[in-house]
Protein backbone atom coordinates (compact mmCIF):
# COMPACT_ATOMS: atom_id res chain seq x y z
CA MET A 1 43.15 -23.90 74.46
CA SER A 2 39.56 -22.74 74.36
CA ARG A 3 39.88 -19.98 71.40
CA ILE A 4 42.15 -22.88 69.62
CA VAL A 5 38.22 -25.42 70.20
CA LEU A 6 35.81 -22.03 69.38
CA ILE A 7 37.91 -20.39 66.24
CA PRO A 8 37.56 -23.78 64.14
CA PHE A 9 33.99 -24.13 65.02
CA PHE A 10 33.22 -20.84 63.45
CA LEU A 11 34.95 -21.49 60.42
CA PHE A 12 33.79 -24.37 59.96
CA ALA A 13 30.02 -22.79 60.31
CA PRO A 14 30.64 -20.46 56.99
CA THR A 15 31.11 -23.64 54.97
CA ILE A 16 27.55 -24.82 55.96
CA VAL A 17 25.96 -21.38 55.20
CA ALA A 18 28.22 -20.90 51.40
CA GLN A 19 26.87 -24.57 50.27
CA THR A 20 23.30 -23.74 50.95
CA LEU A 21 23.74 -20.28 49.06
CA ALA A 22 25.41 -22.10 46.18
CA SER A 23 22.97 -24.91 45.80
CA GLY A 24 19.93 -21.71 45.74
CA THR A 25 16.80 -22.05 45.86
CA GLN A 26 13.39 -22.86 44.24
CA SER A 27 13.31 -20.97 40.77
CA GLN A 28 9.20 -18.83 39.91
CA PRO A 29 7.17 -20.89 38.28
CA THR A 30 7.50 -20.38 34.36
CA GLN A 31 4.82 -17.70 33.54
CA ALA A 32 3.12 -18.33 29.93
CA ALA A 33 3.80 -15.15 27.35
CA GLN A 34 1.00 -13.14 26.67
CA LEU A 35 0.25 -12.51 23.16
CA PRO A 36 -1.31 -8.82 22.11
CA LEU A 37 -5.02 -9.34 20.85
CA SER A 38 -4.24 -8.67 17.69
CA GLY A 39 -1.62 -10.07 15.48
CA ARG A 40 -1.59 -7.38 12.43
CA ASN A 41 1.12 -5.18 11.59
CA PRO A 42 0.43 -2.33 14.26
CA GLN A 43 2.70 0.16 12.05
CA SER A 44 0.75 2.06 10.15
CA GLY A 45 1.54 2.20 6.31
CA SER A 46 -0.34 1.72 3.15
CA VAL A 47 -0.74 1.31 -0.56
CA THR A 48 -2.88 0.59 -2.50
CA ALA A 49 -4.00 1.14 -6.10
CA THR A 50 -8.04 1.65 -6.89
CA GLN A 51 -9.96 2.41 -10.09
CA THR A 52 -13.16 3.45 -9.63
CA ALA A 53 -15.54 4.68 -12.25
CA ILE A 54 -15.91 9.03 -13.21
CA PRO A 55 -19.28 9.47 -13.13
CA GLY A 56 -21.72 12.30 -15.30
CA THR A 57 -21.69 12.22 -19.26
CA THR A 58 -18.81 14.83 -21.23
CA ASN A 59 -17.05 14.59 -24.20
CA SER A 60 -14.20 12.57 -23.05
CA ILE A 61 -14.04 8.63 -23.44
CA ASN A 62 -12.45 8.13 -19.89
CA THR A 63 -15.02 6.65 -17.68
CA ILE A 64 -12.63 5.36 -15.14
CA ASN A 65 -10.10 6.97 -12.65
CA PRO A 66 -6.78 5.18 -11.97
CA THR A 67 -5.38 6.01 -8.88
CA VAL A 68 -2.21 4.48 -6.67
CA GLN A 69 -2.14 5.83 -2.77
CA VAL A 70 1.13 5.54 -0.67
CA GLN A 71 0.50 6.57 3.12
CA GLY A 72 2.66 6.54 6.01
CA PRO A 73 6.20 5.22 5.72
CA PHE A 74 6.03 4.08 2.67
CA THR A 75 6.22 8.01 1.70
CA GLY A 76 9.88 7.79 3.10
CA SER A 77 13.23 6.42 2.43
CA THR A 78 16.86 6.15 3.60
CA SER A 79 19.43 8.40 1.39
CA SER A 80 20.39 6.07 -0.70
CA ILE A 81 23.41 7.91 -2.91
CA ALA A 82 25.56 6.52 -1.18
CA LYS A 83 25.44 3.04 -1.15
CA LEU A 84 24.26 3.40 -4.64
CA PRO A 85 25.70 5.71 -6.83
CA PHE A 86 23.10 7.33 -9.35
CA SER A 87 23.66 8.59 -13.11
CA GLY A 88 21.14 10.55 -13.36
CA ARG A 89 18.44 7.98 -15.44
CA LEU A 90 16.57 6.00 -13.39
CA SER A 91 14.69 3.07 -15.04
CA LEU A 92 11.54 1.37 -13.44
CA ARG A 93 13.60 -1.72 -11.76
CA GLU A 94 16.27 0.59 -10.87
CA ALA A 95 13.91 2.12 -9.04
CA VAL A 96 11.86 -0.76 -7.45
CA ASP A 97 15.19 -2.18 -6.36
CA ARG A 98 16.07 1.28 -4.99
CA ALA A 99 13.08 1.23 -3.05
CA LEU A 100 13.44 -2.60 -1.74
CA GLU A 101 16.33 -1.72 0.06
CA PHE A 102 16.44 2.37 1.35
CA ASN A 103 11.99 2.39 1.34
CA LEU A 104 11.24 3.14 5.04
CA GLY A 105 7.74 0.44 4.68
CA ALA A 106 10.78 -2.03 4.90
CA VAL A 107 13.34 -0.70 6.88
CA GLY A 108 10.93 -0.28 9.78
CA LEU A 109 9.84 -3.50 10.12
CA THR A 110 13.18 -5.02 9.45
CA GLU A 111 14.30 -4.38 12.99
CA ALA A 112 10.83 -5.56 14.23
CA VAL A 113 12.28 -8.42 13.06
CA ARG A 114 14.97 -7.70 15.15
CA GLN A 115 13.56 -7.01 18.25
CA ALA A 116 10.92 -10.53 17.54
CA ARG A 117 14.38 -12.66 17.70
CA GLY A 118 16.15 -11.26 20.44
CA GLN A 119 12.48 -11.68 21.75
CA SER A 120 13.17 -16.10 20.56
CA LYS A 121 16.34 -16.27 22.24
CA ILE A 122 15.11 -15.04 25.85
CA ALA A 123 12.80 -17.09 25.65
CA ARG A 124 14.90 -20.39 24.52
CA SER A 125 17.21 -19.31 27.07
CA ALA A 126 15.11 -20.99 29.33
CA LEU A 127 15.43 -24.21 27.79
CA LEU A 128 19.01 -24.38 27.77
CA PRO A 129 21.69 -24.94 30.32
CA ASN A 130 23.02 -21.88 32.44
CA LEU A 131 26.65 -21.66 33.74
CA ASN A 132 27.75 -19.01 35.86
CA ALA A 133 31.21 -18.68 38.60
CA SER A 134 31.68 -16.69 41.11
CA LEU A 135 34.37 -15.77 43.49
CA SER A 136 34.13 -13.94 46.60
CA GLU A 137 36.11 -12.87 49.56
CA THR A 138 34.41 -12.59 52.77
CA VAL A 139 35.82 -10.93 56.38
CA GLN A 140 33.30 -11.09 59.26
CA GLN A 141 33.57 -10.15 62.81
CA THR A 142 30.19 -11.62 64.47
CA ASN A 143 28.96 -10.39 67.82
CA LEU A 144 27.52 -13.87 69.66
CA GLN A 145 25.13 -12.55 71.90
CA ALA A 146 23.39 -10.30 69.83
CA LEU A 147 22.64 -13.40 67.65
CA GLY A 148 20.91 -14.88 70.93
CA VAL A 149 24.34 -17.51 71.80
CA ARG A 150 24.71 -17.76 75.32
CA LEU A 151 27.75 -20.45 76.07
CA SER A 152 28.26 -21.38 79.07
CA LEU A 153 31.82 -23.13 80.45
CA PRO A 154 32.68 -25.38 83.37
CA PHE A 155 35.63 -23.95 84.74
CA PRO A 156 34.86 -20.91 87.39
CA GLY A 157 36.14 -17.65 86.92
CA PHE A 158 36.49 -18.35 82.87
CA SER A 159 33.74 -16.94 80.45
CA PRO A 160 34.11 -17.29 76.76
CA PRO A 161 34.46 -14.85 74.39
CA THR A 162 31.46 -12.91 72.69
CA ILE A 163 32.60 -11.75 70.19
CA VAL A 164 33.80 -13.65 67.44
CA GLY A 165 36.71 -12.86 64.56
CA PRO A 166 37.89 -10.87 62.90
CA PHE A 167 38.28 -14.19 60.44
CA ASN A 168 37.84 -14.67 56.12
CA TYR A 169 37.24 -17.23 53.94
CA PHE A 170 37.19 -17.43 50.46
CA ASP A 171 34.64 -18.92 48.11
CA LEU A 172 35.28 -19.58 44.66
CA ARG A 173 32.48 -21.54 42.48
CA ALA A 174 30.87 -22.45 39.28
CA SER A 175 27.02 -23.32 39.12
CA LEU A 176 25.17 -24.87 36.37
CA SER A 177 21.47 -25.06 36.01
CA GLN A 178 19.33 -26.58 33.27
CA THR A 179 15.71 -26.79 33.19
CA VAL A 180 14.93 -31.29 32.29
CA LEU A 181 11.07 -30.49 32.13
CA ASP A 182 9.17 -27.28 31.31
CA LEU A 183 5.97 -27.35 28.70
CA THR A 184 5.18 -23.85 28.93
CA ALA A 185 8.72 -22.28 28.51
CA ARG A 186 8.80 -24.63 25.46
CA ASN A 187 5.35 -23.20 24.56
CA ASN A 188 7.00 -20.21 24.98
CA TYR A 189 9.97 -20.68 23.08
CA ARG A 190 7.33 -22.27 19.95
CA ALA A 191 5.84 -19.33 20.18
CA THR A 192 8.26 -16.86 19.47
CA LYS A 193 9.68 -18.46 16.86
CA GLU A 194 6.39 -17.91 15.27
CA ILE A 195 5.89 -14.52 15.93
CA THR A 196 9.41 -14.44 14.35
CA ARG A 197 8.28 -16.30 11.19
CA ALA A 198 5.12 -13.78 11.13
CA ASN A 199 7.71 -10.80 11.00
CA GLU A 200 9.54 -11.74 8.01
CA LEU A 201 7.08 -12.64 6.42
CA THR A 202 5.62 -9.09 7.01
CA VAL A 203 8.83 -7.57 5.44
CA ALA A 204 8.35 -9.36 2.21
CA ASP A 205 4.75 -8.27 2.30
CA ALA A 206 5.91 -4.81 2.60
CA ARG A 207 8.20 -5.61 -0.10
CA ASP A 208 5.40 -5.76 -2.20
CA LEU A 209 3.58 -3.32 -1.65
CA ILE A 210 6.47 -0.78 -2.40
CA VAL A 211 6.89 -2.53 -6.00
CA LEU A 212 3.47 -1.02 -6.35
CA GLY A 213 3.79 2.02 -4.50
CA VAL A 214 6.91 2.80 -6.43
CA GLY A 215 5.64 0.96 -9.69
CA GLY A 216 2.80 2.59 -9.51
CA THR A 217 4.09 6.16 -8.92
CA TYR A 218 6.80 5.88 -12.07
CA LEU A 219 3.98 5.03 -14.09
CA GLN A 220 2.12 7.65 -12.93
CA VAL A 221 5.49 9.56 -14.06
CA ILE A 222 5.25 7.95 -17.63
CA ALA A 223 1.53 9.59 -17.85
CA ALA A 224 2.51 12.50 -17.00
CA ARG A 225 5.18 13.06 -19.34
CA SER A 226 3.22 11.59 -21.95
CA ARG A 227 0.26 14.09 -21.47
CA ILE A 228 2.84 17.05 -21.74
CA GLU A 229 4.25 15.73 -25.12
CA ALA A 230 0.54 15.95 -26.05
CA ALA A 231 0.56 19.48 -24.76
CA ARG A 232 3.22 20.14 -26.73
CA ALA A 233 1.86 18.70 -29.55
CA GLN A 234 -1.25 20.74 -28.90
CA LEU A 235 0.53 24.27 -28.47
CA ALA A 236 2.42 23.75 -31.82
CA THR A 237 -1.41 23.39 -33.49
CA ALA A 238 -2.53 26.28 -32.19
CA GLU A 239 0.52 28.46 -32.81
CA ALA A 240 0.02 26.71 -36.18
CA LEU A 241 -3.65 28.02 -36.41
CA TYR A 242 -2.76 31.18 -34.56
CA ARG A 243 -0.74 31.94 -37.24
CA GLN A 244 -2.62 31.00 -40.41
CA THR A 245 -5.86 33.68 -38.63
CA SER A 246 -3.55 36.79 -38.12
CA GLU A 247 -2.62 36.42 -41.73
CA GLN A 248 -6.55 35.91 -42.68
CA ARG A 249 -7.22 38.56 -40.62
CA ALA A 250 -4.48 40.99 -41.91
CA ALA A 251 -5.93 39.83 -45.20
CA GLY A 252 -9.65 40.79 -44.36
CA VAL A 253 -10.92 37.15 -45.03
CA VAL A 254 -11.53 36.39 -41.36
CA ALA A 255 -13.05 38.51 -38.40
CA GLN A 256 -11.82 40.32 -35.42
CA ILE A 257 -13.83 36.87 -33.39
CA ASP A 258 -12.03 34.56 -34.79
CA LEU A 259 -8.66 36.00 -34.32
CA ASN A 260 -9.57 36.25 -30.98
CA ARG A 261 -10.77 32.65 -30.32
CA SER A 262 -7.76 31.80 -31.77
CA GLN A 263 -5.41 33.78 -29.23
CA ILE A 264 -7.66 32.06 -26.64
CA GLN A 265 -7.03 28.84 -27.33
CA LEU A 266 -3.27 29.40 -27.33
CA PHE A 267 -3.25 31.33 -23.90
CA THR A 268 -5.43 28.08 -22.91
CA GLN A 269 -2.71 25.57 -24.38
CA GLN A 270 -0.19 27.03 -22.88
CA GLN A 271 -1.18 27.77 -19.43
CA ARG A 272 -2.51 24.00 -19.51
CA LEU A 273 1.66 23.11 -20.40
CA LEU A 274 2.69 24.52 -18.26
CA SER A 275 0.28 23.33 -15.52
CA LEU A 276 1.08 19.45 -16.48
CA GLU A 277 5.11 20.45 -16.77
CA ASN A 278 4.50 21.79 -12.81
CA ASP A 279 2.34 18.39 -11.88
CA TYR A 280 5.06 16.56 -14.05
CA SER A 281 7.75 17.71 -11.61
CA LYS A 282 6.28 17.04 -8.30
CA LEU A 283 5.48 13.75 -9.08
CA LYS A 284 9.17 12.82 -10.01
CA VAL A 285 9.68 14.71 -6.78
CA THR A 286 7.47 12.12 -4.40
CA LEU A 287 9.40 9.09 -6.68
CA ALA A 288 12.30 10.09 -5.68
CA ARG A 289 11.17 10.07 -1.66
CA LEU A 290 10.08 6.21 -2.57
CA VAL A 291 13.30 4.95 -3.59
CA GLY A 292 15.50 6.67 -1.25
CA LEU A 293 16.96 10.09 -3.91
CA PRO A 294 17.37 13.70 -3.60
CA PRO A 295 14.15 15.20 -3.19
CA ASN A 296 14.55 16.85 -6.39
CA GLU A 297 13.23 16.19 -10.23
CA GLN A 298 16.65 16.77 -11.50
CA TYR A 299 16.83 13.46 -13.46
CA GLU A 300 14.84 11.75 -16.12
CA ILE A 301 12.95 8.38 -16.14
CA THR A 302 14.15 5.85 -19.67
CA ASP A 303 11.00 3.82 -19.53
CA ALA A 304 8.27 4.15 -21.40
CA ILE A 305 5.88 0.98 -21.14
CA PRO A 306 3.80 1.55 -23.54
CA PHE A 307 0.62 -0.43 -23.78
CA ALA A 308 0.82 -4.82 -23.97
CA GLU A 309 -0.84 -7.22 -23.80
CA ALA A 310 -1.99 -8.91 -19.69
CA PRO A 311 -0.01 -12.79 -19.43
CA SER A 312 -2.63 -14.75 -20.13
CA LEU A 313 -3.17 -15.97 -16.40
CA THR A 314 -6.86 -17.31 -15.52
CA PHE A 315 -7.98 -16.49 -12.69
CA ASP A 316 -8.63 -19.09 -10.88
CA ALA A 317 -4.68 -20.06 -11.85
CA ALA A 318 -3.97 -16.88 -10.22
CA LEU A 319 -6.28 -17.41 -7.10
CA LYS A 320 -4.53 -20.11 -7.03
CA GLN A 321 -0.92 -18.28 -6.75
CA ALA A 322 -2.07 -15.83 -4.49
CA PHE A 323 -3.42 -18.55 -1.70
CA GLU A 324 0.30 -20.60 -1.90
CA GLN A 325 2.68 -17.04 -2.65
CA ARG A 326 0.96 -14.33 -0.57
CA SER A 327 3.72 -13.28 2.16
CA ASP A 328 0.49 -11.71 4.44
CA LEU A 329 -1.61 -14.99 4.53
CA LYS A 330 1.53 -17.04 5.34
CA ALA A 331 2.01 -14.37 8.25
CA ALA A 332 -1.03 -14.22 9.13
CA GLN A 333 -1.23 -18.17 9.59
CA ALA A 334 1.87 -17.92 11.67
CA GLN A 335 0.21 -15.85 13.41
CA VAL A 336 -2.08 -18.46 14.35
CA GLU A 337 0.01 -21.26 15.28
CA ALA A 338 2.23 -18.18 17.83
CA ALA A 339 -1.36 -17.94 19.61
CA GLU A 340 -2.02 -22.13 19.55
CA ARG A 341 1.81 -22.33 21.16
CA ALA A 342 0.51 -19.74 23.68
CA ARG A 343 -2.92 -20.66 24.64
CA ALA A 344 -0.67 -24.68 25.11
CA ALA A 345 1.75 -22.70 27.35
CA ALA A 346 -0.93 -21.16 29.55
CA ARG A 347 -2.76 -25.05 30.00
CA SER A 348 0.81 -26.34 30.37
CA GLU A 349 1.16 -24.01 33.63
CA ARG A 350 -0.75 -27.19 35.47
CA LEU A 351 1.55 -29.65 34.84
CA PRO A 352 4.50 -30.27 36.69
CA SER A 353 8.28 -28.97 36.03
CA PHE A 354 11.30 -30.63 36.46
CA ALA A 355 14.91 -28.92 36.90
CA VAL A 356 18.61 -29.55 37.49
CA ARG A 357 20.83 -27.46 39.67
CA ALA A 358 24.13 -28.56 40.50
CA ASP A 359 27.50 -26.41 41.51
CA TYR A 360 31.35 -27.21 42.05
CA GLY A 361 33.52 -25.00 44.18
CA VAL A 362 36.65 -24.49 46.08
CA ILE A 363 36.39 -22.69 50.11
CA GLY A 364 38.78 -22.21 52.64
CA THR A 365 40.18 -19.31 54.75
CA ASN A 366 43.48 -19.46 51.32
CA PRO A 367 44.16 -21.90 48.81
CA SER A 368 46.27 -23.74 50.35
CA GLN A 369 43.71 -24.82 52.95
CA ALA A 370 40.59 -24.57 50.55
CA HIS A 371 38.74 -28.31 50.20
CA GLY A 372 36.08 -29.26 47.29
CA THR A 373 32.33 -28.75 48.03
CA PHE A 374 29.46 -29.49 44.90
CA SER A 375 26.07 -29.81 45.45
CA VAL A 376 23.54 -31.48 43.35
CA VAL A 377 19.57 -31.11 43.82
CA GLY A 378 16.90 -32.01 41.78
CA THR A 379 13.83 -29.96 41.54
CA VAL A 380 9.87 -31.27 41.09
CA ARG A 381 7.45 -28.42 40.97
CA VAL A 382 3.94 -29.59 41.34
CA PRO A 383 1.39 -26.50 40.85
CA ILE A 384 -1.79 -27.12 43.35
CA TRP A 385 -3.33 -23.83 43.43
CA GLN A 386 -2.37 -21.00 41.91
CA GLY A 387 -5.87 -18.42 42.76
CA GLY A 388 -6.80 -18.80 39.66
CA ARG A 389 -4.21 -17.30 37.41
CA THR A 390 -4.01 -20.22 34.95
CA LYS A 391 -7.20 -19.92 34.09
CA GLY A 392 -7.48 -16.20 33.73
CA GLN A 393 -4.16 -16.80 31.38
CA THR A 394 -5.56 -19.57 29.68
CA GLU A 395 -8.15 -16.78 28.48
CA VAL A 396 -6.51 -13.97 27.59
CA ALA A 397 -4.58 -16.90 25.15
CA GLU A 398 -7.77 -18.27 23.64
CA SER A 399 -9.09 -14.87 22.92
CA ALA A 400 -5.82 -13.62 21.28
CA LEU A 401 -6.26 -17.24 19.20
CA VAL A 402 -10.00 -16.34 18.39
CA GLN A 403 -9.17 -12.90 16.97
CA ARG A 404 -6.23 -14.37 14.82
CA GLN A 405 -8.44 -16.81 13.33
CA ALA A 406 -11.12 -14.46 12.10
CA GLU A 407 -8.26 -12.22 10.85
CA LEU A 408 -6.96 -15.15 9.13
CA ASP A 409 -10.22 -15.74 7.05
CA ASP A 410 -10.92 -12.15 7.15
CA LEU A 411 -7.42 -11.96 5.38
CA LYS A 412 -8.43 -14.87 2.45
CA GLY A 413 -11.69 -13.15 1.57
CA ARG A 414 -9.32 -9.82 0.96
CA ILE A 415 -7.02 -11.57 -1.28
CA GLU A 416 -9.55 -13.03 -3.06
CA SER A 417 -11.22 -9.67 -3.44
CA GLU A 418 -8.32 -7.29 -4.23
CA VAL A 419 -7.92 -10.69 -7.39
CA ARG A 420 -10.99 -10.11 -9.03
CA ASN A 421 -11.08 -6.36 -8.68
CA ALA A 422 -6.95 -6.51 -10.45
CA TYR A 423 -8.95 -8.43 -13.25
CA PHE A 424 -12.37 -6.18 -13.25
CA ASP A 425 -10.15 -3.44 -13.74
CA LEU A 426 -8.18 -5.63 -16.71
CA GLN A 427 -11.14 -5.38 -18.63
CA ALA A 428 -12.20 -2.24 -18.59
CA ALA A 429 -8.94 -0.52 -18.82
CA ALA A 430 -7.85 -2.99 -21.99
CA SER A 431 -11.48 -1.94 -23.13
CA GLN A 432 -10.36 1.41 -22.85
CA VAL A 433 -7.29 1.27 -23.96
CA GLU A 434 -9.13 0.21 -28.07
CA VAL A 435 -11.85 2.96 -27.54
CA ALA A 436 -9.28 5.52 -27.21
CA GLN A 437 -7.09 4.33 -30.11
CA LYS A 438 -9.70 4.52 -32.44
CA ASN A 439 -11.34 8.17 -31.05
CA ILE A 440 -7.66 9.43 -31.75
CA GLN A 441 -8.00 8.52 -35.28
CA VAL A 442 -11.21 9.78 -35.36
CA ALA A 443 -10.39 13.22 -33.87
CA THR A 444 -7.27 13.21 -35.86
CA GLN A 445 -9.63 13.04 -38.82
CA ASN A 446 -12.23 15.81 -37.83
CA LEU A 447 -9.40 18.22 -37.57
CA ASP A 448 -7.80 18.05 -40.57
CA LEU A 449 -11.39 18.28 -42.25
CA THR A 450 -12.48 21.21 -40.21
CA ARG A 451 -8.84 22.61 -41.11
CA GLN A 452 -9.69 22.18 -44.20
CA LYS A 453 -12.56 23.97 -44.47
CA PHE A 454 -11.14 26.62 -42.48
CA GLU A 455 -8.71 27.01 -45.01
CA ALA A 456 -11.36 27.47 -48.12
CA GLY A 457 -12.92 30.19 -46.49
CA VAL A 458 -16.10 27.44 -46.13
CA SER A 459 -16.46 28.02 -42.24
CA ASP A 460 -14.99 29.75 -39.59
CA ASN A 461 -12.59 28.50 -36.83
CA VAL A 462 -14.79 27.65 -34.19
CA GLU A 463 -14.81 24.01 -35.56
CA VAL A 464 -11.17 24.03 -35.55
CA VAL A 465 -10.27 24.53 -31.60
CA GLN A 466 -12.98 22.42 -30.53
CA SER A 467 -11.88 20.27 -33.17
CA GLN A 468 -8.27 20.35 -31.37
CA GLU A 469 -10.10 20.17 -28.09
CA THR A 470 -11.14 16.68 -28.69
CA LEU A 471 -8.21 15.35 -29.58
CA SER A 472 -6.44 16.76 -27.00
CA THR A 473 -9.34 15.02 -25.06
CA ALA A 474 -8.65 11.68 -26.97
CA ASN A 475 -5.20 11.80 -26.56
CA ASN A 476 -5.71 12.03 -22.85
CA ASP A 477 -7.92 9.37 -22.57
CA TYR A 478 -5.52 6.95 -24.48
CA ILE A 479 -2.65 8.36 -21.66
CA ASN A 480 -5.00 7.77 -19.23
CA SER A 481 -6.52 4.08 -20.24
CA VAL A 482 -3.06 3.17 -20.67
CA PHE A 483 -2.04 4.19 -17.61
CA ALA A 484 -4.98 2.67 -16.12
CA HIS A 485 -4.49 -0.79 -17.75
CA ASN A 486 -0.73 -1.32 -16.90
CA LEU A 487 -1.51 -0.22 -13.47
CA ALA A 488 -4.07 -3.09 -13.30
CA LYS A 489 -1.32 -5.08 -14.17
CA LEU A 490 0.39 -3.95 -11.06
CA SER A 491 -1.81 -4.59 -8.98
CA LEU A 492 -2.49 -8.02 -9.92
CA ALA A 493 0.80 -8.91 -9.43
CA ARG A 494 0.79 -7.23 -5.84
CA ALA A 495 -2.45 -9.26 -5.39
CA VAL A 496 -1.11 -12.83 -6.79
CA GLY A 497 1.83 -12.14 -4.87
CA ARG A 498 5.69 -11.91 -5.39
CA ALA A 499 5.75 -8.68 -7.05
CA SER A 500 9.23 -8.08 -7.23
CA GLU A 501 10.11 -11.32 -9.49
CA ALA A 502 6.48 -10.77 -11.75
CA LEU A 503 7.21 -6.88 -12.73
CA SER A 504 9.15 -8.12 -15.63
CA GLN A 505 6.19 -11.09 -16.68
CA PHE A 506 3.38 -8.71 -15.94
CA LEU A 507 4.88 -5.37 -17.17
CA LYS A 508 6.71 -6.60 -20.16
CA LEU A 509 9.86 -5.21 -19.00
CA GLN A 510 13.39 -4.66 -20.77
């Protein structure tokens, strides 16, 4: 009879324990997210187009040296052949389109966006309901003496058992928790949203850099091909002069020194052509690496992109467009906003928070004897003293905010300088193109006159060789000037923003 009384008492005790555990304990306070000090992209890599003055004096009218430098991940790519079959002929537009999809400069940043989106979802989960279900089956035997339980009965010669069980019970339960008010968690989530937006804008800015890098390299390939064509023309002229001098030497009209001079000129032009072809092949390999093609020179470029006037865009209009369109500027603004949200999250740690937790389930020795139990707990947490942690978090957040505001101000100045420099480069390159065109005309005329004098026996071939070199230099100057002008237009397109969309407008692509 006594066991019948005692066993139900201990079966009821686990029910109370289960209800207490299911209701949960007070959760830890939400902490403000800490942002890196700098909001700039840590990924190394850059694309720059520069135009520098050539020091010293030469017989060349070329006074500027245009270059495009691609560094870091932007120099590489994943293979594009599997997804985009290649015909063997590459236009500038196709090169840009392939690079925008397969260049590593954008691929790596795209994965950074995925990470930021994942972090944003994690931060949002603190504000959304959390629903969980559990099923447990417990078999238990209890030593009452070990627990300090001492029982005595008013019946002489009878002592209660010290070991209870084994007995069993199961618990099937669903629990729901919901943060009703937590400004720290809310500001953390808003900060992660801004960081995600900043990363997306950084990808867009990387696409502009890819256009600049691929477009500039394509223009270099065009210039190298033009130099080869000019060198072949000069080689043909040198061969003609050598044959003519050989005939005259055989006839005893000219001295051996004239024949030697024309032969040296022929060798020089042959070696120059070989060097230019070597440079052309390497540039094509570099371009192939940028756009996801096999790293070889076994393809043709189809666009020539001759000299054309720059779009009629005033400096003020270009600067206005740059401040409105530049993705890196918008990304920096989003980074400032993220830092402001992080600071607000740190300050909000001083404020109360409110959360609700509820659960419902059935518990009993078996399903037929189970009974429903539930609990609803509302918790208001009021911070009183956190050992200075909140103040420290606020200082960390404020330092990041000050740094990102400084980076935003610096970026505005850099954008204006890029737009100005692009206009300076355009002006210098356009002027040099005009001078180079006139120089070719004069050099061609001088070459014709000196050859006529040599054919008439009035002079030796020294002036002819010199005129050939002058014409060769004039042709290279024109090629270099057109490349500088096109690169300056491409730099302006990048400085203004949305370079991929403006490519056809600035370079007059068909």
